[in-house]
Amino acid sequence: MAATFSISVLTPEGLIWEGRASAVNAPGVAGGFGVLAHHQPMVAALQPGPLVITAEDGTLVQFRLGVGVFEVTAFHDVLVLADSAATV
């Protein structure tokens, strides 16, 4: 089984999705990027585009994000803050 991490997707309306994931791909302003478990802490600006989460069970969870911020915390959790997020 792949290593996993906790991820939360939030907008001004509240929590959109929360769970465990093995990977996430996000639309960074400097280009798209991916994160796996045990990634080093980082903060990145997000541009509008697709956020693709590979959930712990292997299913893909997809959102269309607005602008926002992506953070990998010192505890290796991921926090996505966006001005909007719609399921795809």
C-alpha atoms as a PDB file:
ATOM      1  CA  MET A   1       0.000   0.000   0.000  1.00  0.00           C
ATOM      2  CA  ALA A   2       1.260   3.481  -0.890  1.00  0.00           C
ATOM      3  CA  ALA A   3       2.080   5.982   1.823  1.00  0.00           C
ATOM      4  CA  THR A   4      -0.684   8.542   2.371  1.00  0.00           C
ATOM      5  CA  PHE A   5      -1.163  12.011   3.791  1.00  0.00           C
ATOM      6  CA  SER A   6      -4.052  14.125   5.027  1.00  0.00           C
ATOM      7  CA  ILE A   7      -5.449  16.720   2.620  1.00  0.00           C
ATOM      8  CA  SER A   8      -8.093  19.413   3.078  1.00  0.00           C
ATOM      9  CA  VAL A   9      -9.620  21.614   0.363  1.00  0.00           C
ATOM     10  CA  LEU A  10     -11.234  24.811   1.655  1.00  0.00           C
ATOM     11  CA  THR A  11     -12.985  27.802   0.091  1.00  0.00           C
ATOM     12  CA  PRO A  12     -14.670  30.818   1.700  1.00  0.00           C
ATOM     13  CA  GLU A  13     -17.843  28.692   1.805  1.00  0.00           C
ATOM     14  CA  GLY A  14     -16.116  26.110   4.035  1.00  0.00           C
ATOM     15  CA  LEU A  15     -14.582  22.654   3.830  1.00  0.00           C
ATOM     16  CA  ILE A  16     -15.050  21.160   0.347  1.00  0.00           C
ATOM     17  CA  TRP A  17     -13.172  17.870   0.742  1.00  0.00           C
ATOM     18  CA  GLU A  18     -11.061  16.197   3.390  1.00  0.00           C
ATOM     19  CA  GLY A  19      -9.439  12.796   3.464  1.00  0.00           C
ATOM     20  CA  ARG A  20      -6.306  10.761   2.937  1.00  0.00           C
ATOM     21  CA  ALA A  21      -4.492  10.707  -0.370  1.00  0.00           C
ATOM     22  CA  SER A  22      -1.465   9.074  -1.960  1.00  0.00           C
ATOM     23  CA  ALA A  23      -0.894  11.910  -4.479  1.00  0.00           C
ATOM     24  CA  VAL A  24      -2.181  15.304  -5.551  1.00  0.00           C
ATOM     25  CA  ASN A  25      -1.573  17.369  -8.695  1.00  0.00           C
ATOM     26  CA  ALA A  26      -2.206  21.106  -8.597  1.00  0.00           C
ATOM     27  CA  PRO A  27      -2.125  24.095 -11.010  1.00  0.00           C
ATOM     28  CA  GLY A  28       0.707  26.270  -9.693  1.00  0.00           C
ATOM     29  CA  VAL A  29       1.272  29.744 -11.130  1.00  0.00           C
ATOM     30  CA  ALA A  30       4.793  28.671 -12.145  1.00  0.00           C
ATOM     31  CA  GLY A  31       3.419  25.446 -13.667  1.00  0.00           C
ATOM     32  CA  GLY A  32       1.576  22.365 -12.544  1.00  0.00           C
ATOM     33  CA  PHE A  33       3.149  20.226  -9.821  1.00  0.00           C
ATOM     34  CA  GLY A  34       2.569  17.012  -7.926  1.00  0.00           C
ATOM     35  CA  VAL A  35       3.004  16.039  -4.302  1.00  0.00           C
ATOM     36  CA  LEU A  36       3.421  12.588  -2.754  1.00  0.00           C
ATOM     37  CA  ALA A  37       3.570  11.495   0.884  1.00  0.00           C
ATOM     38  CA  HIS A  38       6.520  12.828   2.927  1.00  0.00           C
ATOM     39  CA  HIS A  39       6.997  15.857   0.645  1.00  0.00           C
ATOM     40  CA  GLN A  40       9.091  18.628   2.145  1.00  0.00           C
ATOM     41  CA  PRO A  41       7.138  21.605   3.535  1.00  0.00           C
ATOM     42  CA  MET A  42       6.289  24.194   0.888  1.00  0.00           C
ATOM     43  CA  VAL A  43       3.858  26.943  -0.046  1.00  0.00           C
ATOM     44  CA  ALA A  44       2.808  27.633  -3.646  1.00  0.00           C
ATOM     45  CA  ALA A  45       0.419  30.064  -5.324  1.00  0.00           C
ATOM     46  CA  LEU A  46      -2.324  28.451  -7.392  1.00  0.00           C
ATOM     47  CA  GLN A  47      -3.848  29.621 -10.649  1.00  0.00           C
ATOM     48  CA  PRO A  48      -7.272  28.517 -11.893  1.00  0.00           C
ATOM     49  CA  GLY A  49      -7.189  24.928 -13.114  1.00  0.00           C
ATOM     50  CA  PRO A  50      -7.631  21.271 -12.180  1.00  0.00           C
ATOM     51  CA  LEU A  51      -6.796  19.826  -8.772  1.00  0.00           C
ATOM     52  CA  VAL A  52      -6.547  16.031  -8.995  1.00  0.00           C
ATOM     53  CA  ILE A  53      -6.383  14.023  -5.780  1.00  0.00           C
ATOM     54  CA  THR A  54      -5.602  10.309  -5.786  1.00  0.00           C
ATOM     55  CA  ALA A  55      -7.533   9.188  -2.716  1.00  0.00           C
ATOM     56  CA  GLU A  56      -6.278   6.487  -0.358  1.00  0.00           C
ATOM     57  CA  ASP A  57      -8.459   3.865  -2.089  1.00  0.00           C
ATOM     58  CA  GLY A  58      -7.089   4.820  -5.528  1.00  0.00           C
ATOM     59  CA  THR A  59     -10.091   6.789  -6.777  1.00  0.00           C
ATOM     60  CA  LEU A  60      -9.538  10.164  -8.397  1.00  0.00           C
ATOM     61  CA  VAL A  61     -11.220  13.188  -6.851  1.00  0.00           C
ATOM     62  CA  GLN A  62     -11.176  16.178  -9.197  1.00  0.00           C
ATOM     63  CA  PHE A  63     -11.951  19.853  -8.695  1.00  0.00           C
ATOM     64  CA  ARG A  64     -11.772  22.951 -10.847  1.00  0.00           C
ATOM     65  CA  LEU A  65     -10.052  25.530  -8.641  1.00  0.00           C
ATOM     66  CA  GLY A  66      -9.966  29.283  -8.722  1.00  0.00           C
ATOM     67  CA  VAL A  67      -6.899  31.140  -7.467  1.00  0.00           C
ATOM     68  CA  GLY A  68      -5.465  30.146  -4.128  1.00  0.00           C
ATOM     69  CA  VAL A  69      -2.638  28.794  -2.021  1.00  0.00           C
ATOM     70  CA  PHE A  70      -1.280  25.244  -1.628  1.00  0.00           C
ATOM     71  CA  GLU A  71       0.661  24.291   1.504  1.00  0.00           C
ATOM     72  CA  VAL A  72       2.500  21.173   2.585  1.00  0.00           C
ATOM     73  CA  THR A  73       2.861  21.579   6.351  1.00  0.00           C
ATOM     74  CA  ALA A  74       5.785  20.580   8.553  1.00  0.00           C
ATOM     75  CA  PHE A  75       3.652  17.544   9.496  1.00  0.00           C
ATOM     76  CA  HIS A  76       3.419  16.579   5.786  1.00  0.00           C
ATOM     77  CA  ASP A  77      -0.297  17.396   5.579  1.00  0.00           C
ATOM     78  CA  VAL A  78      -1.647  19.296   2.578  1.00  0.00           C
ATOM     79  CA  LEU A  79      -3.916  22.317   2.799  1.00  0.00           C
ATOM     80  CA  VAL A  80      -5.500  23.821  -0.316  1.00  0.00           C
ATOM     81  CA  LEU A  81      -7.132  27.249   0.114  1.00  0.00           C
ATOM     82  CA  ALA A  82      -8.951  28.483  -2.982  1.00  0.00           C
ATOM     83  CA  ASP A  83     -11.436  31.224  -3.748  1.00  0.00           C
ATOM     84  CA  SER A  84     -13.611  28.581  -5.464  1.00  0.00           C
ATOM     85  CA  ALA A  85     -13.663  24.830  -6.076  1.00  0.00           C
ATOM     86  CA  ALA A  86     -16.184  22.914  -8.173  1.00  0.00           C
ATOM     87  CA  THR A  87     -16.282  19.145  -8.592  1.00  0.00           C
ATOM     88  CA  VAL A  88     -15.518  17.864 -12.084  1.00  0.00           C
END
